[in-house]
């Protein structure tokens, strides 16, 4: 089963890195406001560099001066399945990515259900992340602001940063 991870990342600006395993790498988008559970909300998702699959487990602090410097938390993780079909057959994820339309079912610890990532026309690298209408959709729930602890370690962003400073000493 393919995996996904969402890392909360306090770099220059706080954002959420949404990563899907496709073709042996983590294909990634930076989502400034984090994923929504409301079908009415379209979140900007900016395509970023692919990462190795091992990065799905990274939680800690990227040192100043390095790419992506800042605190990283594993905010959500789980598996996903492709939902995108054409003529009754699943479209390969690599084709979905190339075509700019990904539809997946997330089975995570924080997020569940259908999500679409759709590339915006004429906007290189800019996509929208949209919650599909299913039993997990909720206009009232806002996990991006209410879910504050790592699904791996149970630590907050502050605790992750503090622990990194303690290790340096």
Protein backbone atom coordinates (compact mmCIF):
# COMPACT_ATOMS: atom_id res chain seq x y z
CA UNK A 1 0.00 0.00 0.00
CA UNK A 2 1.44 3.43 -0.89
CA UNK A 3 2.17 5.77 2.01
CA UNK A 4 1.57 9.43 2.69
CA UNK A 5 2.95 11.74 5.33
CA UNK A 6 2.09 15.30 6.27
CA UNK A 7 4.85 17.16 8.07
CA UNK A 8 4.18 20.43 9.88
CA UNK A 9 7.18 22.58 9.02
CA UNK A 10 8.21 25.83 10.71
CA UNK A 11 10.62 27.14 8.07
CA UNK A 12 10.57 30.80 6.95
CA UNK A 13 6.79 30.44 7.11
CA UNK A 14 4.81 27.77 8.92
CA UNK A 15 3.27 25.31 6.43
CA UNK A 16 2.35 21.67 6.00
CA UNK A 17 4.31 19.43 3.60
CA UNK A 18 1.93 16.93 2.02
CA UNK A 19 3.87 13.97 0.61
CA UNK A 20 2.63 10.98 -1.41
CA UNK A 21 4.82 8.00 -2.32
CA UNK A 22 4.80 7.82 -6.12
CA UNK A 23 7.42 6.06 -8.21
CA UNK A 24 9.79 5.37 -5.32
CA UNK A 25 9.93 8.96 -3.97
CA UNK A 26 7.81 11.25 -1.84
CA UNK A 27 6.15 13.68 -4.24
CA UNK A 28 5.62 16.86 -2.23
CA UNK A 29 3.50 19.98 -1.94
CA UNK A 30 3.75 22.82 0.59
CA UNK A 31 0.27 23.71 1.85
CA UNK A 32 0.53 27.05 3.73
CA UNK A 33 -2.74 26.79 5.67
CA UNK A 34 -2.72 23.01 6.02
CA UNK A 35 -5.29 20.50 4.79
CA UNK A 36 -8.97 21.25 5.33
CA UNK A 37 -11.79 18.84 6.06
CA UNK A 38 -14.34 21.19 4.46
CA UNK A 39 -15.41 20.53 0.87
CA UNK A 40 -15.91 24.29 0.39
CA UNK A 41 -12.26 25.16 1.11
CA UNK A 42 -9.61 25.04 -1.60
CA UNK A 43 -6.09 25.17 -0.18
CA UNK A 44 -3.11 26.38 -2.20
CA UNK A 45 -0.57 23.54 -2.58
CA UNK A 46 2.79 24.52 -4.07
CA UNK A 47 4.78 21.71 -5.65
CA UNK A 48 8.20 21.30 -4.02
CA UNK A 49 11.17 18.98 -4.48
CA UNK A 50 10.63 15.24 -4.28
CA UNK A 51 12.12 13.61 -1.19
CA UNK A 52 13.45 10.09 -0.55
CA UNK A 53 10.96 7.68 1.03
CA UNK A 54 13.02 7.56 4.25
CA UNK A 55 12.18 11.25 4.81
CA UNK A 56 8.63 10.19 5.76
CA UNK A 57 10.00 9.34 9.22
CA UNK A 58 11.97 12.56 9.75
CA UNK A 59 11.04 14.66 12.75
CA UNK A 60 13.44 17.19 14.23
CA UNK A 61 15.18 20.43 13.39
CA UNK A 62 16.88 21.22 10.07
CA UNK A 63 19.84 23.50 10.98
CA UNK A 64 20.00 27.17 9.95
CA UNK A 65 21.70 27.66 6.61
CA UNK A 66 20.36 24.38 5.19
CA UNK A 67 17.48 24.03 2.73
CA UNK A 68 14.19 24.02 4.66
CA UNK A 69 15.79 25.11 7.93
CA UNK A 70 13.37 24.89 10.85
CA UNK A 71 11.38 22.49 13.00
CA UNK A 72 9.62 19.52 11.38
CA UNK A 73 6.87 17.41 12.99
CA UNK A 74 5.20 14.29 11.59
CA UNK A 75 1.67 15.73 11.79
CA UNK A 76 -0.06 12.81 10.07
CA UNK A 77 0.90 9.57 8.37
CA UNK A 78 -0.77 6.56 6.87
CA UNK A 79 -1.55 4.84 3.62
CA UNK A 80 -3.49 5.99 0.60
CA UNK A 81 -5.16 4.49 -2.40
CA UNK A 82 -5.62 5.94 -5.83
CA UNK A 83 -9.22 6.86 -6.75
CA UNK A 84 -8.65 8.29 -10.24
CA UNK A 85 -10.27 6.16 -12.93
CA UNK A 86 -10.65 6.49 -16.68
CA UNK A 87 -12.83 4.09 -18.66
CA UNK A 88 -13.37 2.04 -15.49
CA UNK A 89 -9.64 1.49 -14.87
CA UNK A 90 -7.34 3.13 -12.34
CA UNK A 91 -5.06 5.74 -13.86
CA UNK A 92 -1.44 5.16 -12.71
CA UNK A 93 -0.35 7.69 -10.07
CA UNK A 94 2.58 8.81 -12.23
CA UNK A 95 0.10 9.66 -15.01
CA UNK A 96 -2.19 11.46 -12.54
CA UNK A 97 0.79 13.57 -11.44
CA UNK A 98 1.83 14.33 -15.03
CA UNK A 99 -1.77 15.21 -15.95
CA UNK A 100 -2.15 17.47 -12.90
CA UNK A 101 -5.08 15.69 -11.26
CA UNK A 102 -4.61 13.35 -8.32
CA UNK A 103 -7.52 11.80 -6.42
CA UNK A 104 -6.69 9.72 -3.35
CA UNK A 105 -8.30 8.15 -0.31
CA UNK A 106 -6.20 8.89 2.78
CA UNK A 107 -6.21 6.49 5.70
CA UNK A 108 -4.25 8.46 8.26
CA UNK A 109 -4.22 9.05 11.97
CA UNK A 110 -5.55 12.62 11.57
CA UNK A 111 -7.05 12.73 8.06
CA UNK A 112 -9.27 10.19 6.37
CA UNK A 113 -11.25 10.16 3.20
CA UNK A 114 -10.97 11.53 -0.30
CA UNK A 115 -8.72 14.41 -1.32
CA UNK A 116 -7.93 15.86 -4.72
CA UNK A 117 -4.78 17.69 -5.76
CA UNK A 118 -5.43 19.67 -8.94
CA UNK A 119 -2.82 21.70 -10.84
CA UNK A 120 -4.00 25.23 -11.59
CA UNK A 121 -4.05 26.16 -15.26
CA UNK A 122 -1.33 28.60 -16.25
CA UNK A 123 0.24 28.51 -12.77
CA UNK A 124 3.45 26.50 -12.85
CA UNK A 125 3.82 24.52 -9.65
CA UNK A 126 0.59 25.79 -8.09
CA UNK A 127 -2.05 23.22 -7.21
CA UNK A 128 -5.20 23.16 -5.10
CA UNK A 129 -5.84 20.63 -2.35
CA UNK A 130 -9.57 19.95 -1.97
CA UNK A 131 -11.48 17.66 0.39
CA UNK A 132 -13.91 15.40 -1.44
CA UNK A 133 -17.49 15.01 -0.24
CA UNK A 134 -17.56 11.86 1.90
CA UNK A 135 -18.37 10.76 5.46
CA UNK A 136 -15.15 12.40 6.75
CA UNK A 137 -15.92 15.86 5.34
CA UNK A 138 -16.69 18.45 8.00
CA UNK A 139 -16.98 22.22 7.78
CA UNK A 140 -16.66 22.46 11.58
CA UNK A 141 -13.48 20.43 12.07
CA UNK A 142 -10.16 22.22 11.53
CA UNK A 143 -7.34 19.78 12.30
CA UNK A 144 -4.67 22.14 10.90
CA UNK A 145 -5.23 24.41 13.90
CA UNK A 146 -6.49 21.94 16.53
CA UNK A 147 -4.18 18.93 16.06
CA UNK A 148 -0.93 20.08 17.68
CA UNK A 149 1.05 16.90 18.46
CA UNK A 150 3.20 14.53 16.44
CA UNK A 151 1.49 11.26 15.51
CA UNK A 152 4.88 9.55 16.02
CA UNK A 153 6.23 10.99 19.28
CA UNK A 154 3.32 12.94 20.80
CA UNK A 155 5.50 16.06 20.99
CA UNK A 156 4.51 19.62 20.06
CA UNK A 157 6.56 21.77 17.66
CA UNK A 158 8.01 23.60 20.69
CA UNK A 159 9.04 20.33 22.36
CA UNK A 160 10.70 19.08 19.16
CA UNK A 161 12.70 22.33 18.91
CA UNK A 162 13.62 22.27 22.61
CA UNK A 163 14.70 18.62 22.44
CA UNK A 164 16.97 19.42 19.47
CA UNK A 165 18.66 22.23 21.44
CA UNK A 166 19.19 19.88 24.43
CA UNK A 167 20.81 17.25 22.17
CA UNK A 168 23.27 19.84 20.82
CA UNK A 169 24.59 20.62 24.32
